[in-house]
C-alpha atoms as a PDB file:
ATOM      1  CA  UNK A   1      69.715  26.475 -24.000  1.00  0.00           C
ATOM      2  CA  UNK A   2      70.332  23.052 -24.803  1.00  0.00           C
ATOM      3  CA  UNK A   3      68.712  20.493 -26.689  1.00  0.00           C
ATOM      4  CA  UNK A   4      67.408  18.504 -23.969  1.00  0.00           C
ATOM      5  CA  UNK A   5      65.770  21.326 -21.668  1.00  0.00           C
ATOM      6  CA  UNK A   6      64.339  22.534 -25.092  1.00  0.00           C
ATOM      7  CA  UNK A   7      62.373  19.912 -25.523  1.00  0.00           C
ATOM      8  CA  UNK A   8      58.694  20.355 -25.319  1.00  0.00           C
ATOM      9  CA  UNK A   9      56.855  19.346 -21.926  1.00  0.00           C
ATOM     10  CA  UNK A  10      54.854  16.371 -22.479  1.00  0.00           C
ATOM     11  CA  UNK A  11      51.892  16.921 -20.569  1.00  0.00           C
ATOM     12  CA  UNK A  12      50.846  14.375 -17.000  1.00  0.00           C
ATOM     13  CA  UNK A  13      47.524  12.856 -17.933  1.00  0.00           C
ATOM     14  CA  UNK A  14      45.042  13.191 -15.518  1.00  0.00           C
ATOM     15  CA  UNK A  15      43.501  10.429 -14.007  1.00  0.00           C
ATOM     16  CA  UNK A  16      40.627   9.432 -15.728  1.00  0.00           C
ATOM     17  CA  UNK A  17      37.271  10.535 -14.226  1.00  0.00           C
ATOM     18  CA  UNK A  18      34.486   8.485 -13.562  1.00  0.00           C
ATOM     19  CA  UNK A  19      31.297   9.120 -15.773  1.00  0.00           C
ATOM     20  CA  UNK A  20      28.836  11.355 -14.250  1.00  0.00           C
ATOM     21  CA  UNK A  21      26.095   9.277 -14.381  1.00  0.00           C
ATOM     22  CA  UNK A  22      27.596   6.921 -12.198  1.00  0.00           C
ATOM     23  CA  UNK A  23      28.895   9.212 -10.091  1.00  0.00           C
ATOM     24  CA  UNK A  24      25.561  10.526  -9.672  1.00  0.00           C
ATOM     25  CA  UNK A  25      23.854   7.321  -9.428  1.00  0.00           C
ATOM     26  CA  UNK A  26      26.926   6.505  -6.145  1.00  0.00           C
ATOM     27  CA  UNK A  27      26.028   8.956  -4.382  1.00  0.00           C
ATOM     28  CA  UNK A  28      21.827   8.950  -4.845  1.00  0.00           C
ATOM     29  CA  UNK A  29      23.060   5.553  -2.966  1.00  0.00           C
ATOM     30  CA  UNK A  30      25.351   6.410  -0.513  1.00  0.00           C
ATOM     31  CA  UNK A  31      22.692   9.448   0.636  1.00  0.00           C
ATOM     32  CA  UNK A  32      19.857   6.572   0.674  1.00  0.00           C
ATOM     33  CA  UNK A  33      21.964   3.812   2.668  1.00  0.00           C
ATOM     34  CA  UNK A  34      23.677   6.312   5.253  1.00  0.00           C
ATOM     35  CA  UNK A  35      22.217   6.674   8.812  1.00  0.00           C
ATOM     36  CA  UNK A  36      24.473   8.151  11.323  1.00  0.00           C
ATOM     37  CA  UNK A  37      25.810   5.600  13.753  1.00  0.00           C
ATOM     38  CA  UNK A  38      24.676   8.300  16.783  1.00  0.00           C
ATOM     39  CA  UNK A  39      20.503   8.552  15.632  1.00  0.00           C
ATOM     40  CA  UNK A  40      18.694   6.680  17.097  1.00  0.00           C
ATOM     41  CA  UNK A  41      15.186   8.147  17.869  1.00  0.00           C
ATOM     42  CA  UNK A  42      11.007   7.603  15.930  1.00  0.00           C
ATOM     43  CA  UNK A  43      12.196   8.722  12.734  1.00  0.00           C
ATOM     44  CA  UNK A  44      15.016   5.340  12.698  1.00  0.00           C
ATOM     45  CA  UNK A  45      13.554   2.502  10.268  1.00  0.00           C
ATOM     46  CA  UNK A  46      13.908   0.699   7.118  1.00  0.00           C
ATOM     47  CA  UNK A  47      14.727   2.989   4.025  1.00  0.00           C
ATOM     48  CA  UNK A  48      13.396   2.379   0.340  1.00  0.00           C
ATOM     49  CA  UNK A  49      13.197   3.474  -2.950  1.00  0.00           C
ATOM     50  CA  UNK A  50       9.896   3.707  -4.393  1.00  0.00           C
ATOM     51  CA  UNK A  51       8.088   4.655  -7.330  1.00  0.00           C
ATOM     52  CA  UNK A  52       5.255   7.334  -6.252  1.00  0.00           C
ATOM     53  CA  UNK A  53       2.207   8.426  -7.407  1.00  0.00           C
ATOM     54  CA  UNK A  54       0.135  10.909  -5.247  1.00  0.00           C
ATOM     55  CA  UNK A  55      -3.312  12.129  -5.713  1.00  0.00           C
ATOM     56  CA  UNK A  56      -5.831  14.602  -3.981  1.00  0.00           C
ATOM     57  CA  UNK A  57      -9.873  14.291  -3.685  1.00  0.00           C
ATOM     58  CA  UNK A  58     -11.985  15.732  -3.878  1.00  0.00           C
ATOM     59  CA  UNK A  59     -10.452  17.144  -7.047  1.00  0.00           C
ATOM     60  CA  UNK A  60      -9.124  14.004  -8.194  1.00  0.00           C
ATOM     61  CA  UNK A  61     -11.119  10.918  -8.262  1.00  0.00           C
ATOM     62  CA  UNK A  62     -10.199   8.530  -5.795  1.00  0.00           C
ATOM     63  CA  UNK A  63     -12.634   6.019  -6.257  1.00  0.00           C
ATOM     64  CA  UNK A  64     -11.670   5.789  -9.866  1.00  0.00           C
ATOM     65  CA  UNK A  65      -7.653   5.522  -9.040  1.00  0.00           C
ATOM     66  CA  UNK A  66      -9.013   2.396  -6.204  1.00  0.00           C
ATOM     67  CA  UNK A  67     -10.938   1.004  -9.025  1.00  0.00           C
ATOM     68  CA  UNK A  68      -8.183   0.904 -11.505  1.00  0.00           C
ATOM     69  CA  UNK A  69      -5.670  -0.234  -9.112  1.00  0.00           C
ATOM     70  CA  UNK A  70      -7.515  -3.766  -8.071  1.00  0.00           C
ATOM     71  CA  UNK A  71      -8.228  -3.658 -11.775  1.00  0.00           C
ATOM     72  CA  UNK A  72      -4.374  -4.527 -11.871  1.00  0.00           C
ATOM     73  CA  UNK A  73      -4.504  -7.237  -9.662  1.00  0.00           C
ATOM     74  CA  UNK A  74      -3.825 -11.123 -11.109  1.00  0.00           C
ATOM     75  CA  UNK A  75      -2.563 -13.002  -7.974  1.00  0.00           C
ATOM     76  CA  UNK A  76      -3.339 -11.344  -4.409  1.00  0.00           C
ATOM     77  CA  UNK A  77      -4.603  -8.173  -2.894  1.00  0.00           C
ATOM     78  CA  UNK A  78      -3.968  -7.838   1.182  1.00  0.00           C
ATOM     79  CA  UNK A  79      -6.347  -4.946   2.419  1.00  0.00           C
ATOM     80  CA  UNK A  80      -6.581  -3.465   5.666  1.00  0.00           C
ATOM     81  CA  UNK A  81     -10.185  -1.338   5.611  1.00  0.00           C
ATOM     82  CA  UNK A  82     -11.197   1.414   8.870  1.00  0.00           C
ATOM     83  CA  UNK A  83     -14.811   1.846   6.385  1.00  0.00           C
ATOM     84  CA  UNK A  84     -15.732   0.107   2.818  1.00  0.00           C
ATOM     85  CA  UNK A  85     -18.982   0.568   1.907  1.00  0.00           C
ATOM     86  CA  UNK A  86     -18.653   1.922  -1.530  1.00  0.00           C
ATOM     87  CA  UNK A  87     -20.486  -0.815  -4.158  1.00  0.00           C
ATOM     88  CA  UNK A  88     -18.142   0.412  -6.751  1.00  0.00           C
ATOM     89  CA  UNK A  89     -15.258  -0.436  -4.947  1.00  0.00           C
ATOM     90  CA  UNK A  90     -16.978  -4.040  -3.093  1.00  0.00           C
ATOM     91  CA  UNK A  91     -17.750  -4.980  -6.956  1.00  0.00           C
ATOM     92  CA  UNK A  92     -14.272  -4.671  -8.538  1.00  0.00           C
ATOM     93  CA  UNK A  93     -13.036  -6.512  -5.593  1.00  0.00           C
ATOM     94  CA  UNK A  94     -15.070  -9.354  -6.690  1.00  0.00           C
ATOM     95  CA  UNK A  95     -14.157  -9.094 -10.355  1.00  0.00           C
ATOM     96  CA  UNK A  96     -11.014  -9.641  -8.935  1.00  0.00           C
ATOM     97  CA  UNK A  97     -11.446 -12.470  -7.025  1.00  0.00           C
ATOM     98  CA  UNK A  98     -13.343 -14.239  -9.813  1.00  0.00           C
ATOM     99  CA  UNK A  99     -10.065 -13.924 -12.604  1.00  0.00           C
ATOM    100  CA  UNK A 100      -8.332 -15.811  -9.602  1.00  0.00           C
ATOM    101  CA  UNK A 101      -7.050 -12.898  -7.306  1.00  0.00           C
ATOM    102  CA  UNK A 102      -6.619 -14.134  -3.745  1.00  0.00           C
ATOM    103  CA  UNK A 103      -7.681 -11.745  -1.813  1.00  0.00           C
ATOM    104  CA  UNK A 104      -7.494 -10.649   1.828  1.00  0.00           C
ATOM    105  CA  UNK A 105      -9.844  -8.195   3.964  1.00  0.00           C
ATOM    106  CA  UNK A 106      -9.123  -6.990   7.551  1.00  0.00           C
ATOM    107  CA  UNK A 107     -11.985  -5.066   8.235  1.00  0.00           C
ATOM    108  CA  UNK A 108     -12.939  -2.786  11.829  1.00  0.00           C
ATOM    109  CA  UNK A 109     -16.156  -3.688  12.904  1.00  0.00           C
ATOM    110  CA  UNK A 110     -17.590   0.074  13.047  1.00  0.00           C
ATOM    111  CA  UNK A 111     -18.538   0.029  10.263  1.00  0.00           C
ATOM    112  CA  UNK A 112     -21.846   0.303   8.155  1.00  0.00           C
ATOM    113  CA  UNK A 113     -21.226  -2.361   6.060  1.00  0.00           C
ATOM    114  CA  UNK A 114     -21.305  -5.135   8.563  1.00  0.00           C
ATOM    115  CA  UNK A 115     -24.129  -3.609  10.189  1.00  0.00           C
ATOM    116  CA  UNK A 116     -27.345  -4.435   7.205  1.00  0.00           C
ATOM    117  CA  UNK A 117     -27.893  -1.730   3.999  1.00  0.00           C
ATOM    118  CA  UNK A 118     -27.305  -2.635   0.531  1.00  0.00           C
ATOM    119  CA  UNK A 119     -23.220  -2.376   1.153  1.00  0.00           C
ATOM    120  CA  UNK A 120     -23.964  -5.346   3.613  1.00  0.00           C
ATOM    121  CA  UNK A 121     -25.578  -7.239   0.606  1.00  0.00           C
ATOM    122  CA  UNK A 122     -22.971  -6.262  -1.682  1.00  0.00           C
ATOM    123  CA  UNK A 123     -20.080  -7.408   0.527  1.00  0.00           C
ATOM    124  CA  UNK A 124     -22.021 -10.717   1.489  1.00  0.00           C
ATOM    125  CA  UNK A 125     -21.570 -11.115  -2.547  1.00  0.00           C
ATOM    126  CA  UNK A 126     -17.640 -10.374  -1.837  1.00  0.00           C
ATOM    127  CA  UNK A 127     -17.472 -13.329   0.249  1.00  0.00           C
ATOM    128  CA  UNK A 128     -18.896 -15.882  -1.736  1.00  0.00           C
ATOM    129  CA  UNK A 129     -16.987 -15.106  -4.507  1.00  0.00           C
ATOM    130  CA  UNK A 130     -13.590 -17.827  -4.658  1.00  0.00           C
ATOM    131  CA  UNK A 131     -10.681 -16.962  -2.391  1.00  0.00           C
ATOM    132  CA  UNK A 132     -11.953 -13.951  -0.833  1.00  0.00           C
ATOM    133  CA  UNK A 133     -11.717 -14.418   3.603  1.00  0.00           C
ATOM    134  CA  UNK A 134     -12.080 -11.859   6.177  1.00  0.00           C
ATOM    135  CA  UNK A 135     -11.565 -11.576   9.062  1.00  0.00           C
ATOM    136  CA  UNK A 136     -13.132  -8.336  11.476  1.00  0.00           C
ATOM    137  CA  UNK A 137     -10.792  -6.924  14.602  1.00  0.00           C
ATOM    138  CA  UNK A 138     -12.524  -6.714  17.766  1.00  0.00           C
ATOM    139  CA  UNK A 139     -10.363  -5.057  20.128  1.00  0.00           C
ATOM    140  CA  UNK A 140     -12.271  -2.166  21.581  1.00  0.00           C
ATOM    141  CA  UNK A 141      -9.736   0.739  19.731  1.00  0.00           C
ATOM    142  CA  UNK A 142     -10.477   1.187  15.624  1.00  0.00           C
ATOM    143  CA  UNK A 143      -8.522  -0.730  12.831  1.00  0.00           C
ATOM    144  CA  UNK A 144      -7.787   2.677  11.360  1.00  0.00           C
ATOM    145  CA  UNK A 145      -5.363   1.868   8.164  1.00  0.00           C
ATOM    146  CA  UNK A 146      -7.089   2.701   4.269  1.00  0.00           C
ATOM    147  CA  UNK A 147      -4.543   0.125   2.696  1.00  0.00           C
ATOM    148  CA  UNK A 148      -4.023  -2.419  -0.134  1.00  0.00           C
ATOM    149  CA  UNK A 149      -1.136  -4.321  -1.668  1.00  0.00           C
ATOM    150  CA  UNK A 150      -1.139  -5.485  -5.261  1.00  0.00           C
ATOM    151  CA  UNK A 151       0.471  -8.768  -6.310  1.00  0.00           C
ATOM    152  CA  UNK A 152       3.407  -7.803  -3.939  1.00  0.00           C
ATOM    153  CA  UNK A 153       4.745  -4.768  -6.303  1.00  0.00           C
ATOM    154  CA  UNK A 154       2.782  -1.980  -4.892  1.00  0.00           C
ATOM    155  CA  UNK A 155       1.117  -0.579  -2.199  1.00  0.00           C
ATOM    156  CA  UNK A 156      -1.723   2.255  -1.720  1.00  0.00           C
ATOM    157  CA  UNK A 157      -2.071   4.018   1.061  1.00  0.00           C
ATOM    158  CA  UNK A 158      -3.390   7.507   2.474  1.00  0.00           C
ATOM    159  CA  UNK A 159      -6.234   8.874   4.476  1.00  0.00           C
ATOM    160  CA  UNK A 160      -9.018   8.141   2.057  1.00  0.00           C
ATOM    161  CA  UNK A 161     -11.841   5.423   3.351  1.00  0.00           C
ATOM    162  CA  UNK A 162     -12.716   3.124   1.094  1.00  0.00           C
ATOM    163  CA  UNK A 163     -16.386   4.849   0.906  1.00  0.00           C
ATOM    164  CA  UNK A 164     -17.830   7.356  -1.477  1.00  0.00           C
ATOM    165  CA  UNK A 165     -17.487  10.145   0.035  1.00  0.00           C
ATOM    166  CA  UNK A 166     -14.262   9.183   1.093  1.00  0.00           C
ATOM    167  CA  UNK A 167     -13.471   9.132  -2.571  1.00  0.00           C
ATOM    168  CA  UNK A 168     -15.407  11.778  -4.167  1.00  0.00           C
ATOM    169  CA  UNK A 169     -16.204  14.460  -1.609  1.00  0.00           C
ATOM    170  CA  UNK A 170     -13.813  14.659   1.057  1.00  0.00           C
ATOM    171  CA  UNK A 171     -10.100  16.261   0.706  1.00  0.00           C
ATOM    172  CA  UNK A 172      -7.970  13.060   0.697  1.00  0.00           C
ATOM    173  CA  UNK A 173      -4.531  11.498  -0.377  1.00  0.00           C
ATOM    174  CA  UNK A 174      -3.862   8.445  -1.940  1.00  0.00           C
ATOM    175  CA  UNK A 175      -0.307   7.447  -2.390  1.00  0.00           C
ATOM    176  CA  UNK A 176       1.075   4.392  -4.382  1.00  0.00           C
ATOM    177  CA  UNK A 177       4.122   3.539  -3.910  1.00  0.00           C
ATOM    178  CA  UNK A 178       5.660   0.655  -6.568  1.00  0.00           C
ATOM    179  CA  UNK A 179       8.387  -0.985  -4.663  1.00  0.00           C
ATOM    180  CA  UNK A 180       8.690  -4.591  -3.763  1.00  0.00           C
ATOM    181  CA  UNK A 181      10.814  -3.900   0.320  1.00  0.00           C
ATOM    182  CA  UNK A 182       7.420  -1.175   0.703  1.00  0.00           C
ATOM    183  CA  UNK A 183       4.708  -4.186   0.114  1.00  0.00           C
ATOM    184  CA  UNK A 184       6.590  -6.623   2.624  1.00  0.00           C
ATOM    185  CA  UNK A 185       7.134  -4.256   5.090  1.00  0.00           C
ATOM    186  CA  UNK A 186       3.165  -3.687   4.862  1.00  0.00           C
ATOM    187  CA  UNK A 187       2.772  -7.728   4.390  1.00  0.00           C
ATOM    188  CA  UNK A 188       4.232  -8.041   8.061  1.00  0.00           C
ATOM    189  CA  UNK A 189       2.203  -6.090   9.641  1.00  0.00           C
ATOM    190  CA  UNK A 190      -0.696  -7.631   7.379  1.00  0.00           C
ATOM    191  CA  UNK A 191      -0.380 -10.656   8.754  1.00  0.00           C
ATOM    192  CA  UNK A 192       0.562  -9.618  12.390  1.00  0.00           C
ATOM    193  CA  UNK A 193      -3.089  -8.136  12.610  1.00  0.00           C
ATOM    194  CA  UNK A 194      -4.619 -10.685  10.700  1.00  0.00           C
ATOM    195  CA  UNK A 195      -3.072 -13.865  12.538  1.00  0.00           C
ATOM    196  CA  UNK A 196      -4.310 -11.921  16.273  1.00  0.00           C
ATOM    197  CA  UNK A 197      -6.699 -14.895  18.505  1.00  0.00           C
ATOM    198  CA  UNK A 198      -9.649 -12.666  18.888  1.00  0.00           C
ATOM    199  CA  UNK A 199     -10.238 -11.954  15.582  1.00  0.00           C
ATOM    200  CA  UNK A 200     -13.773 -12.713  13.871  1.00  0.00           C
ATOM    201  CA  UNK A 201     -13.869 -14.861  10.641  1.00  0.00           C
ATOM    202  CA  UNK A 202     -16.471 -13.336   8.810  1.00  0.00           C
ATOM    203  CA  UNK A 203     -18.631 -15.345   6.542  1.00  0.00           C
ATOM    204  CA  UNK A 204     -21.589 -14.083   4.066  1.00  0.00           C
ATOM    205  CA  UNK A 205     -24.473 -15.876   6.080  1.00  0.00           C
ATOM    206  CA  UNK A 206     -23.116 -13.900   9.122  1.00  0.00           C
ATOM    207  CA  UNK A 207     -24.122 -10.349   8.096  1.00  0.00           C
ATOM    208  CA  UNK A 208     -25.239  -8.252   9.541  1.00  0.00           C
ATOM    209  CA  UNK A 209     -23.857  -8.323  12.845  1.00  0.00           C
ATOM    210  CA  UNK A 210     -22.765  -6.638  15.819  1.00  0.00           C
ATOM    211  CA  UNK A 211     -18.591  -7.568  15.747  1.00  0.00           C
ATOM    212  CA  UNK A 212     -17.979  -6.112  18.602  1.00  0.00           C
ATOM    213  CA  UNK A 213     -20.029  -8.348  20.616  1.00  0.00           C
ATOM    214  CA  UNK A 214     -19.663 -11.408  18.430  1.00  0.00           C
ATOM    215  CA  UNK A 215     -23.047 -11.949  16.691  1.00  0.00           C
END
């Protein structure tokens, strides 16, 4: 054997591997952004990454969840409410308005808050607070959302109405989605509802009222 052939073979270096956290992040990004080109159907739509918190009532106090969220608002709060009659939450909204939060309320007309009782007085007080606007849908079909955004950073949605029963006795869920993209999608829908020509602009002196009848 020659001296040349006896030399130890230098191992061939393999390509440098990417760090595992980087590979994992790239894989997640690919999976989130990938939509098959042939997919066309009801599940097509915008995708977004969001921090999610999920609460189930009546095991959890959903009224306390809403109070805490409203208490975090510092700039804006836009609420679409099928039913808003919990005076604790109405008071939390008024407190937010009085610390400078701009509030828009979009309401369905078929709720007791508009037709008399203690919650009507609480709503009137809220409407007198600075920076609060409210509009009521007058079309025959329901405005059935139970959602609001705070400061363009978080969206509250779910099955729970803003009522005492909905937040403390019924089996409901509340999702808190922390994502500017998710909030932007909600605000596009909210603005579409808000700008309907048939909406009734709600003033405190008009309470109680029959919104579907226009008075």
